[in-house]
C-alpha atoms as a PDB file:
ATOM      1  CA  MET A   1       0.000   0.000   0.000  1.00  0.00           C
ATOM      2  CA  GLY A   2       1.050   3.598  -0.492  1.00  0.00           C
ATOM      3  CA  LYS A   3       2.494   6.011   1.996  1.00  0.00           C
ATOM      4  CA  HIS A   4      -0.828   7.861   2.394  1.00  0.00           C
ATOM      5  CA  THR A   5      -3.004   4.857   3.272  1.00  0.00           C
ATOM      6  CA  HIS A   6      -3.234   5.996   6.894  1.00  0.00           C
ATOM      7  CA  LEU A   7      -5.493   8.843   5.721  1.00  0.00           C
ATOM      8  CA  TYR A   8      -8.193   6.314   4.825  1.00  0.00           C
ATOM      9  CA  LYS A   9      -8.504   5.362   8.504  1.00  0.00           C
ATOM     10  CA  LEU A  10      -9.473   8.902   9.552  1.00  0.00           C
ATOM     11  CA  ALA A  11     -13.021   9.660  10.684  1.00  0.00           C
ATOM     12  CA  VAL A  12     -13.226  12.514   8.166  1.00  0.00           C
ATOM     13  CA  TRP A  13     -12.620  10.017   5.342  1.00  0.00           C
ATOM     14  CA  ARG A  14     -15.236   7.583   6.646  1.00  0.00           C
ATOM     15  CA  ARG A  15     -17.799  10.408   6.690  1.00  0.00           C
ATOM     16  CA  LEU A  16     -16.841  11.651   3.209  1.00  0.00           C
ATOM     17  CA  ARG A  17     -16.914   8.123   1.792  1.00  0.00           C
ATOM     18  CA  SER A  18     -20.315   7.404   3.294  1.00  0.00           C
ATOM     19  CA  ARG A  19     -21.798  10.693   2.021  1.00  0.00           C
ATOM     20  CA  GLN A  20     -20.395  10.110  -1.474  1.00  0.00           C
ATOM     21  CA  LEU A  21     -21.864   6.604  -1.745  1.00  0.00           C
ATOM     22  CA  ILE A  22     -25.237   7.883  -0.524  1.00  0.00           C
ATOM     23  CA  LYS A  23     -25.122  10.770  -3.021  1.00  0.00           C
ATOM     24  CA  GLN A  24     -24.011   8.528  -5.921  1.00  0.00           C
ATOM     25  CA  PRO A  25     -24.543   4.818  -5.206  1.00  0.00           C
ATOM     26  CA  LEU A  26     -23.754   3.772  -8.782  1.00  0.00           C
ATOM     27  CA  CYS A  27     -20.408   3.487 -10.557  1.00  0.00           C
ATOM     28  CA  GLU A  28     -19.916   6.630 -12.599  1.00  0.00           C
ATOM     29  CA  TYR A  29     -17.688   4.867 -15.154  1.00  0.00           C
ATOM     30  CA  CYS A  30     -20.232   2.095 -15.720  1.00  0.00           C
ATOM     31  CA  LEU A  31     -22.998   4.668 -16.180  1.00  0.00           C
ATOM     32  CA  GLU A  32     -21.040   6.117 -19.120  1.00  0.00           C
ATOM     33  CA  SER A  33     -21.635   2.786 -20.873  1.00  0.00           C
ATOM     34  CA  GLU A  34     -25.257   2.670 -19.682  1.00  0.00           C
ATOM     35  CA  GLU A  35     -24.475  -0.145 -17.240  1.00  0.00           C
ATOM     36  CA  VAL A  36     -25.957  -0.068 -13.758  1.00  0.00           C
ATOM     37  CA  THR A  37     -23.387  -1.245 -11.222  1.00  0.00           C
ATOM     38  CA  ALA A  38     -23.315  -0.564  -7.507  1.00  0.00           C
ATOM     39  CA  ALA A  39     -20.353   1.550  -6.435  1.00  0.00           C
ATOM     40  CA  ASP A  40     -18.225   0.218  -3.603  1.00  0.00           C
ATOM     41  CA  THR A  41     -15.210   2.504  -3.946  1.00  0.00           C
ATOM     42  CA  VAL A  42     -14.869   6.249  -3.513  1.00  0.00           C
ATOM     43  CA  ASP A  43     -12.114   7.581  -5.732  1.00  0.00           C
ATOM     44  CA  HIS A  44     -10.258  10.876  -5.807  1.00  0.00           C
ATOM     45  CA  ILE A  45     -10.676  12.330  -9.295  1.00  0.00           C
ATOM     46  CA  THR A  46      -7.403  14.211  -8.927  1.00  0.00           C
ATOM     47  CA  PRO A  47      -4.936  12.112  -6.920  1.00  0.00           C
ATOM     48  CA  HIS A  48      -4.369  13.782  -3.552  1.00  0.00           C
ATOM     49  CA  ARG A  49      -0.804  12.523  -2.894  1.00  0.00           C
ATOM     50  CA  GLY A  50      -1.199  13.477   0.769  1.00  0.00           C
ATOM     51  CA  ASP A  51      -2.653  16.951   0.142  1.00  0.00           C
ATOM     52  CA  MET A  52      -5.402  17.191   2.767  1.00  0.00           C
ATOM     53  CA  LYS A  53      -7.298  19.867   0.829  1.00  0.00           C
ATOM     54  CA  LEU A  54      -7.629  17.531  -2.176  1.00  0.00           C
ATOM     55  CA  PHE A  55      -8.160  14.519   0.079  1.00  0.00           C
ATOM     56  CA  THR A  56     -11.153  16.073   1.854  1.00  0.00           C
ATOM     57  CA  ASP A  57     -12.670  17.997  -1.085  1.00  0.00           C
ATOM     58  CA  PRO A  58     -16.087  16.425  -1.777  1.00  0.00           C
ATOM     59  CA  LEU A  59     -15.963  17.822  -5.324  1.00  0.00           C
ATOM     60  CA  ASN A  60     -12.848  15.712  -5.924  1.00  0.00           C
ATOM     61  CA  LEU A  61     -14.682  12.442  -5.255  1.00  0.00           C
ATOM     62  CA  GLN A  62     -16.422   9.982  -7.539  1.00  0.00           C
ATOM     63  CA  SER A  63     -18.157   6.674  -6.906  1.00  0.00           C
ATOM     64  CA  LEU A  64     -16.748   3.658  -8.744  1.00  0.00           C
ATOM     65  CA  CYS A  65     -17.068  -0.102  -8.633  1.00  0.00           C
ATOM     66  CA  SER A  66     -13.938  -2.033  -7.686  1.00  0.00           C
ATOM     67  CA  PRO A  67     -13.254  -3.356 -11.217  1.00  0.00           C
ATOM     68  CA  CYS A  68     -13.395   0.151 -12.728  1.00  0.00           C
ATOM     69  CA  HIS A  69     -11.245   1.595  -9.959  1.00  0.00           C
ATOM     70  CA  ASN A  70      -8.675  -1.176 -10.084  1.00  0.00           C
ATOM     71  CA  LYS A  71      -8.411  -1.338 -13.870  1.00  0.00           C
ATOM     72  CA  ARG A  72      -9.569   1.720 -15.796  1.00  0.00           C
ATOM     73  CA  LYS A  73      -8.736   4.374 -13.190  1.00  0.00           C
ATOM     74  CA  GLN A  74      -5.294   2.901 -12.510  1.00  0.00           C
ATOM     75  CA  ARG A  75      -4.535   2.815 -16.244  1.00  0.00           C
ATOM     76  CA  GLU A  76      -5.657   6.438 -16.621  1.00  0.00           C
ATOM     77  CA  GLU A  77      -3.421   7.518 -13.745  1.00  0.00           C
ATOM     78  CA  ALA A  78      -0.516   5.652 -15.353  1.00  0.00           C
ATOM     79  CA  GLY A  79      -1.046   7.761 -18.485  1.00  0.00           C
ATOM     80  CA  GLN A  80      -2.291   4.878 -20.615  1.00  0.00           C
ATOM     81  CA  ASP A  81      -4.987   5.363 -23.225  1.00  0.00           C
ATOM     82  CA  VAL A  82      -8.281   3.801 -22.184  1.00  0.00           C
ATOM     83  CA  ILE A  83     -10.998   3.139 -24.741  1.00  0.00           C
ATOM     84  CA  VAL A  84     -14.498   3.055 -23.271  1.00  0.00           C
ATOM     85  CA  PHE A  85     -17.341   1.435 -25.160  1.00  0.00           C
ATOM     86  CA  GLY A  86     -21.003   2.376 -24.954  1.00  0.00           C
ATOM     87  CA  ALA A  87     -23.919   0.001 -24.579  1.00  0.00           C
ATOM     88  CA  ASP A  88     -24.129  -0.151 -28.394  1.00  0.00           C
ATOM     89  CA  GLY A  89     -20.570  -1.462 -28.650  1.00  0.00           C
ATOM     90  CA  TRP A  90     -19.154   1.701 -30.184  1.00  0.00           C
ATOM     91  CA  PRO A  91     -16.312   3.640 -28.544  1.00  0.00           C
ATOM     92  CA  LEU A  92     -17.362   6.682 -26.546  1.00  0.00           C
ATOM     93  CA  ALA A  93     -15.683   9.967 -27.390  1.00  0.00           C
END
């Protein structure tokens, strides 16, 4: 695990995570492809890298399912191109 994992044990994070999943209970990446998948992960849109302002900014959060977070989001953060397909099978712009 990374050097900032201790932040995810803070009460402020537990509250933010809970509020985000209540506000958006579905995976935002899956919804782009018109799939309905329950979100179980709260992701920082812009990686916080220990910056508490980014870490606690509710506007910097998105709800994702584990597969999207662990595959697509990680590839995006690594600078890799990710092609997303819609429900019709065509790539989304």
